[in-house]
């Protein structure tokens, strides 16, 4: 796994389909679902869990920075 799309496909294999139009919301709920699946023992490979979690954290940070930047530069 290297991208957010890869994480989405990984979660799709476990029955999670993202229906959020807001990217930050989607990332948040994907992280929640990932943790729930891992805690339930449905993700046996710890490396898959940590890799997906790291990707989601990175994407959340990037989206938050982008949102902050956009808000600062589009004020009237």
PDB file of N, CA and C in Angstrom:
ATOM      1  N   UNK A   1       0.844  -1.188   0.000  1.00  0.00           N
ATOM      2  CA  UNK A   1       0.000   0.000   0.000  1.00  0.00           C
ATOM      3  C   UNK A   1       0.885   1.244   0.000  1.00  0.00           C
ATOM      4  N   UNK A   2       0.504   2.178  -0.873  1.00  0.00           N
ATOM      5  CA  UNK A   2       1.269   3.417  -0.946  1.00  0.00           C
ATOM      6  C   UNK A   2       0.382   4.658  -0.997  1.00  0.00           C
ATOM      7  N   UNK A   3      -0.864   4.503  -1.400  1.00  0.00           N
ATOM      8  CA  UNK A   3      -1.727   5.662  -1.597  1.00  0.00           C
ATOM      9  C   UNK A   3      -3.051   5.497  -0.857  1.00  0.00           C
ATOM     10  N   UNK A   4      -3.786   6.591  -0.784  1.00  0.00           N
ATOM     11  CA  UNK A   4      -5.111   6.555  -0.171  1.00  0.00           C
ATOM     12  C   UNK A   4      -6.023   5.603  -0.947  1.00  0.00           C
ATOM     13  N   UNK A   5      -5.878   5.582  -2.248  1.00  0.00           N
ATOM     14  CA  UNK A   5      -6.670   4.658  -3.064  1.00  0.00           C
ATOM     15  C   UNK A   5      -6.392   3.207  -2.664  1.00  0.00           C
ATOM     16  N   UNK A   6      -5.131   2.896  -2.417  1.00  0.00           N
ATOM     17  CA  UNK A   6      -4.773   1.541  -1.979  1.00  0.00           C
ATOM     18  C   UNK A   6      -5.455   1.189  -0.660  1.00  0.00           C
ATOM     19  N   UNK A   7      -5.518   2.157   0.253  1.00  0.00           N
ATOM     20  CA  UNK A   7      -6.190   1.927   1.540  1.00  0.00           C
ATOM     21  C   UNK A   7      -7.686   1.713   1.303  1.00  0.00           C
ATOM     22  N   UNK A   8      -8.286   2.511   0.422  1.00  0.00           N
ATOM     23  CA  UNK A   8      -9.704   2.339   0.102  1.00  0.00           C
ATOM     24  C   UNK A   8      -9.971   0.941  -0.446  1.00  0.00           C
ATOM     25  N   UNK A   9      -9.116   0.475  -1.336  1.00  0.00           N
ATOM     26  CA  UNK A   9      -9.278  -0.862  -1.909  1.00  0.00           C
ATOM     27  C   UNK A   9      -9.084  -1.940  -0.844  1.00  0.00           C
ATOM     28  N   UNK A  10      -8.146  -1.731   0.055  1.00  0.00           N
ATOM     29  CA  UNK A  10      -7.911  -2.667   1.155  1.00  0.00           C
ATOM     30  C   UNK A  10      -9.152  -2.759   2.043  1.00  0.00           C
ATOM     31  N   UNK A  11      -9.725  -1.606   2.384  1.00  0.00           N
ATOM     32  CA  UNK A  11     -10.922  -1.594   3.227  1.00  0.00           C
ATOM     33  C   UNK A  11     -12.128  -2.174   2.487  1.00  0.00           C
ATOM     34  N   UNK A  12     -12.177  -1.968   1.182  1.00  0.00           N
ATOM     35  CA  UNK A  12     -13.279  -2.510   0.385  1.00  0.00           C
ATOM     36  C   UNK A  12     -13.302  -4.039   0.463  1.00  0.00           C
ATOM     37  N   UNK A  13     -12.128  -4.650   0.533  1.00  0.00           N
ATOM     38  CA  UNK A  13     -12.042  -6.108   0.666  1.00  0.00           C
ATOM     39  C   UNK A  13     -12.678  -6.589   1.968  1.00  0.00           C
ATOM     40  N   UNK A  14     -12.740  -5.688   2.947  1.00  0.00           N
ATOM     41  CA  UNK A  14     -13.324  -6.020   4.249  1.00  0.00           C
ATOM     42  C   UNK A  14     -14.749  -5.484   4.391  1.00  0.00           C
ATOM     43  N   UNK A  15     -15.322  -5.012   3.281  1.00  0.00           N
ATOM     44  CA  UNK A  15     -16.720  -4.598   3.281  1.00  0.00           C
ATOM     45  C   UNK A  15     -16.978  -3.122   3.517  1.00  0.00           C
ATOM     46  N   UNK A  16     -15.931  -2.297   3.621  1.00  0.00           N
ATOM     47  CA  UNK A  16     -16.131  -0.862   3.853  1.00  0.00           C
ATOM     48  C   UNK A  16     -16.085  -0.130   2.521  1.00  0.00           C
ATOM     49  N   UNK A  17     -17.134   0.620   2.244  1.00  0.00           N
ATOM     50  CA  UNK A  17     -17.184   1.440   1.037  1.00  0.00           C
ATOM     51  C   UNK A  17     -17.388   2.885   1.463  1.00  0.00           C
ATOM     52  N   UNK A  18     -16.530   3.758   0.974  1.00  0.00           N
ATOM     53  CA  UNK A  18     -16.577   5.173   1.321  1.00  0.00           C
ATOM     54  C   UNK A  18     -17.664   5.879   0.514  1.00  0.00           C
ATOM     55  N   UNK A  19     -18.584   6.535   1.211  1.00  0.00           N
ATOM     56  CA  UNK A  19     -19.645   7.290   0.543  1.00  0.00           C
ATOM     57  C   UNK A  19     -19.602   8.782   0.885  1.00  0.00           C
ATOM     58  N   UNK A  20     -18.521   9.220   1.516  1.00  0.00           N
ATOM     59  CA  UNK A  20     -18.405  10.618   1.921  1.00  0.00           C
ATOM     60  C   UNK A  20     -17.852  11.463   0.780  1.00  0.00           C
ATOM     61  N   UNK A  21     -18.456  12.604   0.560  1.00  0.00           N
ATOM     62  CA  UNK A  21     -17.945  13.505  -0.471  1.00  0.00           C
ATOM     63  C   UNK A  21     -16.837  14.397   0.084  1.00  0.00           C
ATOM     64  N   UNK A  22     -16.868  14.645   1.386  1.00  0.00           N
ATOM     65  CA  UNK A  22     -15.829  15.447   2.032  1.00  0.00           C
ATOM     66  C   UNK A  22     -14.621  14.557   2.305  1.00  0.00           C
ATOM     67  N   UNK A  23     -13.486  14.930   1.742  1.00  0.00           N
ATOM     68  CA  UNK A  23     -12.285  14.088   1.844  1.00  0.00           C
ATOM     69  C   UNK A  23     -11.813  13.914   3.285  1.00  0.00           C
ATOM     70  N   UNK A  24     -11.833  14.972   4.089  1.00  0.00           N
ATOM     71  CA  UNK A  24     -11.415  14.847   5.488  1.00  0.00           C
ATOM     72  C   UNK A  24     -12.328  13.906   6.261  1.00  0.00           C
ATOM     73  N   UNK A  25     -13.621  13.998   6.023  1.00  0.00           N
ATOM     74  CA  UNK A  25     -14.562  13.077   6.676  1.00  0.00           C
ATOM     75  C   UNK A  25     -14.290  11.640   6.251  1.00  0.00           C
ATOM     76  N   UNK A  26     -14.041  11.448   4.975  1.00  0.00           N
ATOM     77  CA  UNK A  26     -13.777  10.104   4.460  1.00  0.00           C
ATOM     78  C   UNK A  26     -12.537   9.507   5.113  1.00  0.00           C
ATOM     79  N   UNK A  27     -11.488  10.304   5.220  1.00  0.00           N
ATOM     80  CA  UNK A  27     -10.245   9.828   5.834  1.00  0.00           C
ATOM     81  C   UNK A  27     -10.479   9.495   7.302  1.00  0.00           C
ATOM     82  N   UNK A  28     -11.212  10.350   8.004  1.00  0.00           N
ATOM     83  CA  UNK A  28     -11.504  10.108   9.419  1.00  0.00           C
ATOM     84  C   UNK A  28     -12.236   8.780   9.610  1.00  0.00           C
ATOM     85  N   UNK A  29     -13.274   8.563   8.827  1.00  0.00           N
ATOM     86  CA  UNK A  29     -14.059   7.341   9.000  1.00  0.00           C
ATOM     87  C   UNK A  29     -13.326   6.095   8.496  1.00  0.00           C
ATOM     88  N   UNK A  30     -12.461   6.255   7.506  1.00  0.00           N
ATOM     89  CA  UNK A  30     -11.637   5.116   7.093  1.00  0.00           C
ATOM     90  C   UNK A  30     -10.698   4.709   8.222  1.00  0.00           C
ATOM     91  N   UNK A  31     -10.140   5.700   8.922  1.00  0.00           N
ATOM     92  CA  UNK A  31      -9.258   5.402  10.054  1.00  0.00           C
ATOM     93  C   UNK A  31     -10.024   4.697  11.166  1.00  0.00           C
ATOM     94  N   UNK A  32     -11.250   5.144  11.423  1.00  0.00           N
ATOM     95  CA  UNK A  32     -12.071   4.497  12.450  1.00  0.00           C
ATOM     96  C   UNK A  32     -12.376   3.051  12.071  1.00  0.00           C
ATOM     97  N   UNK A  33     -12.728   2.835  10.824  1.00  0.00           N
ATOM     98  CA  UNK A  33     -13.050   1.482  10.359  1.00  0.00           C
ATOM     99  C   UNK A  33     -11.819   0.582  10.391  1.00  0.00           C
ATOM    100  N   UNK A  34     -10.680   1.134   9.996  1.00  0.00           N
ATOM    101  CA  UNK A  34      -9.436   0.371  10.023  1.00  0.00           C
ATOM    102  C   UNK A  34      -9.128  -0.104  11.438  1.00  0.00           C
ATOM    103  N   UNK A  35      -9.251   0.792  12.409  1.00  0.00           N
ATOM    104  CA  UNK A  35      -8.982   0.430  13.805  1.00  0.00           C
ATOM    105  C   UNK A  35      -9.973  -0.614  14.298  1.00  0.00           C
ATOM    106  N   UNK A  36     -11.235  -0.455  13.954  1.00  0.00           N
ATOM    107  CA  UNK A  36     -12.260  -1.417  14.365  1.00  0.00           C
ATOM    108  C   UNK A  36     -11.956  -2.805  13.800  1.00  0.00           C
ATOM    109  N   UNK A  37     -11.598  -2.857  12.529  1.00  0.00           N
ATOM    110  CA  UNK A  37     -11.260  -4.141  11.904  1.00  0.00           C
ATOM    111  C   UNK A  37     -10.037  -4.777  12.557  1.00  0.00           C
ATOM    112  N   UNK A  38      -9.042  -3.951  12.850  1.00  0.00           N
ATOM    113  CA  UNK A  38      -7.820  -4.468  13.476  1.00  0.00           C
ATOM    114  C   UNK A  38      -8.101  -4.972  14.889  1.00  0.00           C
ATOM    115  N   UNK A  39      -8.841  -4.195  15.661  1.00  0.00           N
ATOM    116  CA  UNK A  39      -9.180  -4.594  17.033  1.00  0.00           C
ATOM    117  C   UNK A  39     -10.006  -5.877  17.065  1.00  0.00           C
ATOM    118  N   UNK A  40     -10.812  -6.091  16.032  1.00  0.00           N
ATOM    119  CA  UNK A  40     -11.644  -7.298  15.954  1.00  0.00           C
ATOM    120  C   UNK A  40     -10.856  -8.506  15.433  1.00  0.00           C
ATOM    121  N   UNK A  41      -9.608  -8.279  15.062  1.00  0.00           N
ATOM    122  CA  UNK A  41      -8.776  -9.372  14.574  1.00  0.00           C
ATOM    123  C   UNK A  41      -9.005  -9.729  13.121  1.00  0.00           C
ATOM    124  N   UNK A  42      -9.675  -8.849  12.389  1.00  0.00           N
ATOM    125  CA  UNK A  42      -9.971  -9.124  10.983  1.00  0.00           C
ATOM    126  C   UNK A  42      -8.842  -8.711  10.045  1.00  0.00           C
ATOM    127  N   UNK A  43      -7.862  -7.992  10.582  1.00  0.00           N
ATOM    128  CA  UNK A  43      -6.654  -7.659   9.827  1.00  0.00           C
ATOM    129  C   UNK A  43      -5.503  -8.354  10.551  1.00  0.00           C
ATOM    130  N   UNK A  44      -5.158  -9.550  10.110  1.00  0.00           N
ATOM    131  CA  UNK A  44      -4.155 -10.326  10.836  1.00  0.00           C
ATOM    132  C   UNK A  44      -2.724  -9.803  10.686  1.00  0.00           C
ATOM    133  N   UNK A  45      -2.445  -9.134   9.576  1.00  0.00           N
ATOM    134  CA  UNK A  45      -1.086  -8.650   9.338  1.00  0.00           C
ATOM    135  C   UNK A  45      -0.917  -7.257   9.937  1.00  0.00           C
ATOM    136  N   UNK A  46      -0.113  -7.181  10.985  1.00  0.00           N
ATOM    137  CA  UNK A  46       0.108  -5.911  11.677  1.00  0.00           C
ATOM    138  C   UNK A  46       0.731  -4.872  10.743  1.00  0.00           C
ATOM    139  N   UNK A  47       1.576  -5.311   9.812  1.00  0.00           N
ATOM    140  CA  UNK A  47       2.199  -4.378   8.870  1.00  0.00           C
ATOM    141  C   UNK A  47       1.162  -3.705   7.975  1.00  0.00           C
ATOM    142  N   UNK A  48       0.149  -4.446   7.542  1.00  0.00           N
ATOM    143  CA  UNK A  48      -0.920  -3.852   6.740  1.00  0.00           C
ATOM    144  C   UNK A  48      -1.636  -2.765   7.532  1.00  0.00           C
ATOM    145  N   UNK A  49      -1.919  -3.058   8.787  1.00  0.00           N
ATOM    146  CA  UNK A  49      -2.610  -2.083   9.632  1.00  0.00           C
ATOM    147  C   UNK A  49      -1.777  -0.813   9.797  1.00  0.00           C
ATOM    148  N   UNK A  50      -0.506  -0.979  10.177  1.00  0.00           N
ATOM    149  CA  UNK A  50       0.331   0.191  10.427  1.00  0.00           C
ATOM    150  C   UNK A  50       0.593   0.993   9.154  1.00  0.00           C
ATOM    151  N   UNK A  51       0.758   0.315   8.037  1.00  0.00           N
ATOM    152  CA  UNK A  51       0.964   1.018   6.769  1.00  0.00           C
ATOM    153  C   UNK A  51      -0.274   1.826   6.391  1.00  0.00           C
ATOM    154  N   UNK A  52      -1.436   1.205   6.480  1.00  0.00           N
ATOM    155  CA  UNK A  52      -2.681   1.904   6.154  1.00  0.00           C
ATOM    156  C   UNK A  52      -2.909   3.080   7.102  1.00  0.00           C
ATOM    157  N   UNK A  53      -2.642   2.867   8.389  1.00  0.00           N
ATOM    158  CA  UNK A  53      -2.817   3.938   9.374  1.00  0.00           C
ATOM    159  C   UNK A  53      -1.888   5.110   9.069  1.00  0.00           C
ATOM    160  N   UNK A  54      -0.656   4.822   8.722  1.00  0.00           N
ATOM    161  CA  UNK A  54       0.304   5.873   8.390  1.00  0.00           C
ATOM    162  C   UNK A  54      -0.136   6.657   7.154  1.00  0.00           C
ATOM    163  N   UNK A  55      -0.632   5.963   6.149  1.00  0.00           N
ATOM    164  CA  UNK A  55      -1.122   6.629   4.935  1.00  0.00           C
ATOM    165  C   UNK A  55      -2.302   7.536   5.273  1.00  0.00           C
ATOM    166  N   UNK A  56      -3.229   7.051   6.085  1.00  0.00           N
ATOM    167  CA  UNK A  56      -4.395   7.860   6.463  1.00  0.00           C
ATOM    168  C   UNK A  56      -3.979   9.084   7.274  1.00  0.00           C
ATOM    169  N   UNK A  57      -3.025   8.927   8.174  1.00  0.00           N
ATOM    170  CA  UNK A  57      -2.537  10.081   8.953  1.00  0.00           C
ATOM    171  C   UNK A  57      -1.894  11.123   8.043  1.00  0.00           C
ATOM    172  N   UNK A  58      -1.074  10.652   7.095  1.00  0.00           N
ATOM    173  CA  UNK A  58      -0.419  11.573   6.161  1.00  0.00           C
ATOM    174  C   UNK A  58      -1.451  12.320   5.323  1.00  0.00           C
ATOM    175  N   UNK A  59      -2.427  11.590   4.784  1.00  0.00           N
ATOM    176  CA  UNK A  59      -3.453  12.213   3.954  1.00  0.00           C
ATOM    177  C   UNK A  59      -4.289  13.210   4.753  1.00  0.00           C
ATOM    178  N   UNK A  60      -4.579  12.878   6.002  1.00  0.00           N
ATOM    179  CA  UNK A  60      -5.348  13.791   6.851  1.00  0.00           C
ATOM    180  C   UNK A  60      -4.558  15.078   7.086  1.00  0.00           C
ATOM    181  N   UNK A  61      -3.258  14.933   7.363  1.00  0.00           N
ATOM    182  CA  UNK A  61      -2.408  16.108   7.575  1.00  0.00           C
ATOM    183  C   UNK A  61      -2.352  16.962   6.316  1.00  0.00           C
ATOM    184  N   UNK A  62      -2.155  16.339   5.162  1.00  0.00           N
ATOM    185  CA  UNK A  62      -2.076  17.089   3.911  1.00  0.00           C
ATOM    186  C   UNK A  62      -3.378  17.816   3.596  1.00  0.00           C
ATOM    187  N   UNK A  63      -4.499  17.149   3.796  1.00  0.00           N
ATOM    188  CA  UNK A  63      -5.799  17.779   3.539  1.00  0.00           C
ATOM    189  C   UNK A  63      -6.063  18.924   4.514  1.00  0.00           C
ATOM    190  N   UNK A  64      -5.674  18.747   5.772  1.00  0.00           N
ATOM    191  CA  UNK A  64      -5.856  19.809   6.768  1.00  0.00           C
ATOM    192  C   UNK A  64      -5.010  21.023   6.418  1.00  0.00           C
ATOM    193  N   UNK A  65      -3.763  20.780   6.010  1.00  0.00           N
ATOM    194  CA  UNK A  65      -2.885  21.882   5.609  1.00  0.00           C
ATOM    195  C   UNK A  65      -3.439  22.591   4.379  1.00  0.00           C
ATOM    196  N   UNK A  66      -3.943  21.830   3.435  1.00  0.00           N
ATOM    197  CA  UNK A  66      -4.520  22.415   2.220  1.00  0.00           C
ATOM    198  C   UNK A  66      -5.734  23.271   2.559  1.00  0.00           C
ATOM    199  N   UNK A  67      -6.588  22.765   3.443  1.00  0.00           N
ATOM    200  CA  UNK A  67      -7.780  23.509   3.841  1.00  0.00           C
ATOM    201  C   UNK A  67      -7.389  24.807   4.545  1.00  0.00           C
ATOM    202  N   UNK A  68      -6.419  24.737   5.450  1.00  0.00           N
ATOM    203  CA  UNK A  68      -5.952  25.923   6.167  1.00  0.00           C
ATOM    204  C   UNK A  68      -5.365  26.936   5.196  1.00  0.00           C
ATOM    205  N   UNK A  69      -4.555  26.470   4.257  1.00  0.00           N
ATOM    206  CA  UNK A  69      -3.952  27.343   3.260  1.00  0.00           C
ATOM    207  C   UNK A  69      -5.024  28.028   2.415  1.00  0.00           C
ATOM    208  N   UNK A  70      -6.004  27.253   1.971  1.00  0.00           N
ATOM    209  CA  UNK A  70      -7.084  27.808   1.155  1.00  0.00           C
ATOM    210  C   UNK A  70      -7.890  28.847   1.923  1.00  0.00           C
ATOM    211  N   UNK A  71      -8.157  28.578   3.189  1.00  0.00           N
ATOM    212  CA  UNK A  71      -8.927  29.523   4.004  1.00  0.00           C
ATOM    213  C   UNK A  71      -8.161  30.823   4.215  1.00  0.00           C
ATOM    214  N   UNK A  72      -6.859  30.742   4.426  1.00  0.00           N
ATOM    215  CA  UNK A  72      -6.045  31.936   4.654  1.00  0.00           C
ATOM    216  C   UNK A  72      -5.925  32.785   3.399  1.00  0.00           C
ATOM    217  N   UNK A  73      -5.878  32.160   2.247  1.00  0.00           N
ATOM    218  CA  UNK A  73      -5.642  32.885   1.004  1.00  0.00           C
ATOM    219  C   UNK A  73      -6.906  33.298   0.270  1.00  0.00           C
ATOM    220  N   UNK A  74      -8.062  32.953   0.791  1.00  0.00           N
ATOM    221  CA  UNK A  74      -9.306  33.334   0.133  1.00  0.00           C
ATOM    222  C   UNK A  74     -10.206  34.184   1.016  1.00  0.00           C
ATOM    223  N   UNK A  75      -9.614  34.792   2.018  1.00  0.00           N
ATOM    224  CA  UNK A  75     -10.406  35.694   2.866  1.00  0.00           C
ATOM    225  C   UNK A  75     -10.583  37.030   2.165  1.00  0.00           C
ATOM    226  N   UNK A  76     -11.703  37.641   2.421  1.00  0.00           N
ATOM    227  CA  UNK A  76     -11.976  38.969   1.821  1.00  0.00           C
ATOM    228  C   UNK A  76     -11.664  40.070   2.788  1.00  0.00           C
TER     229      UNK A  76
END
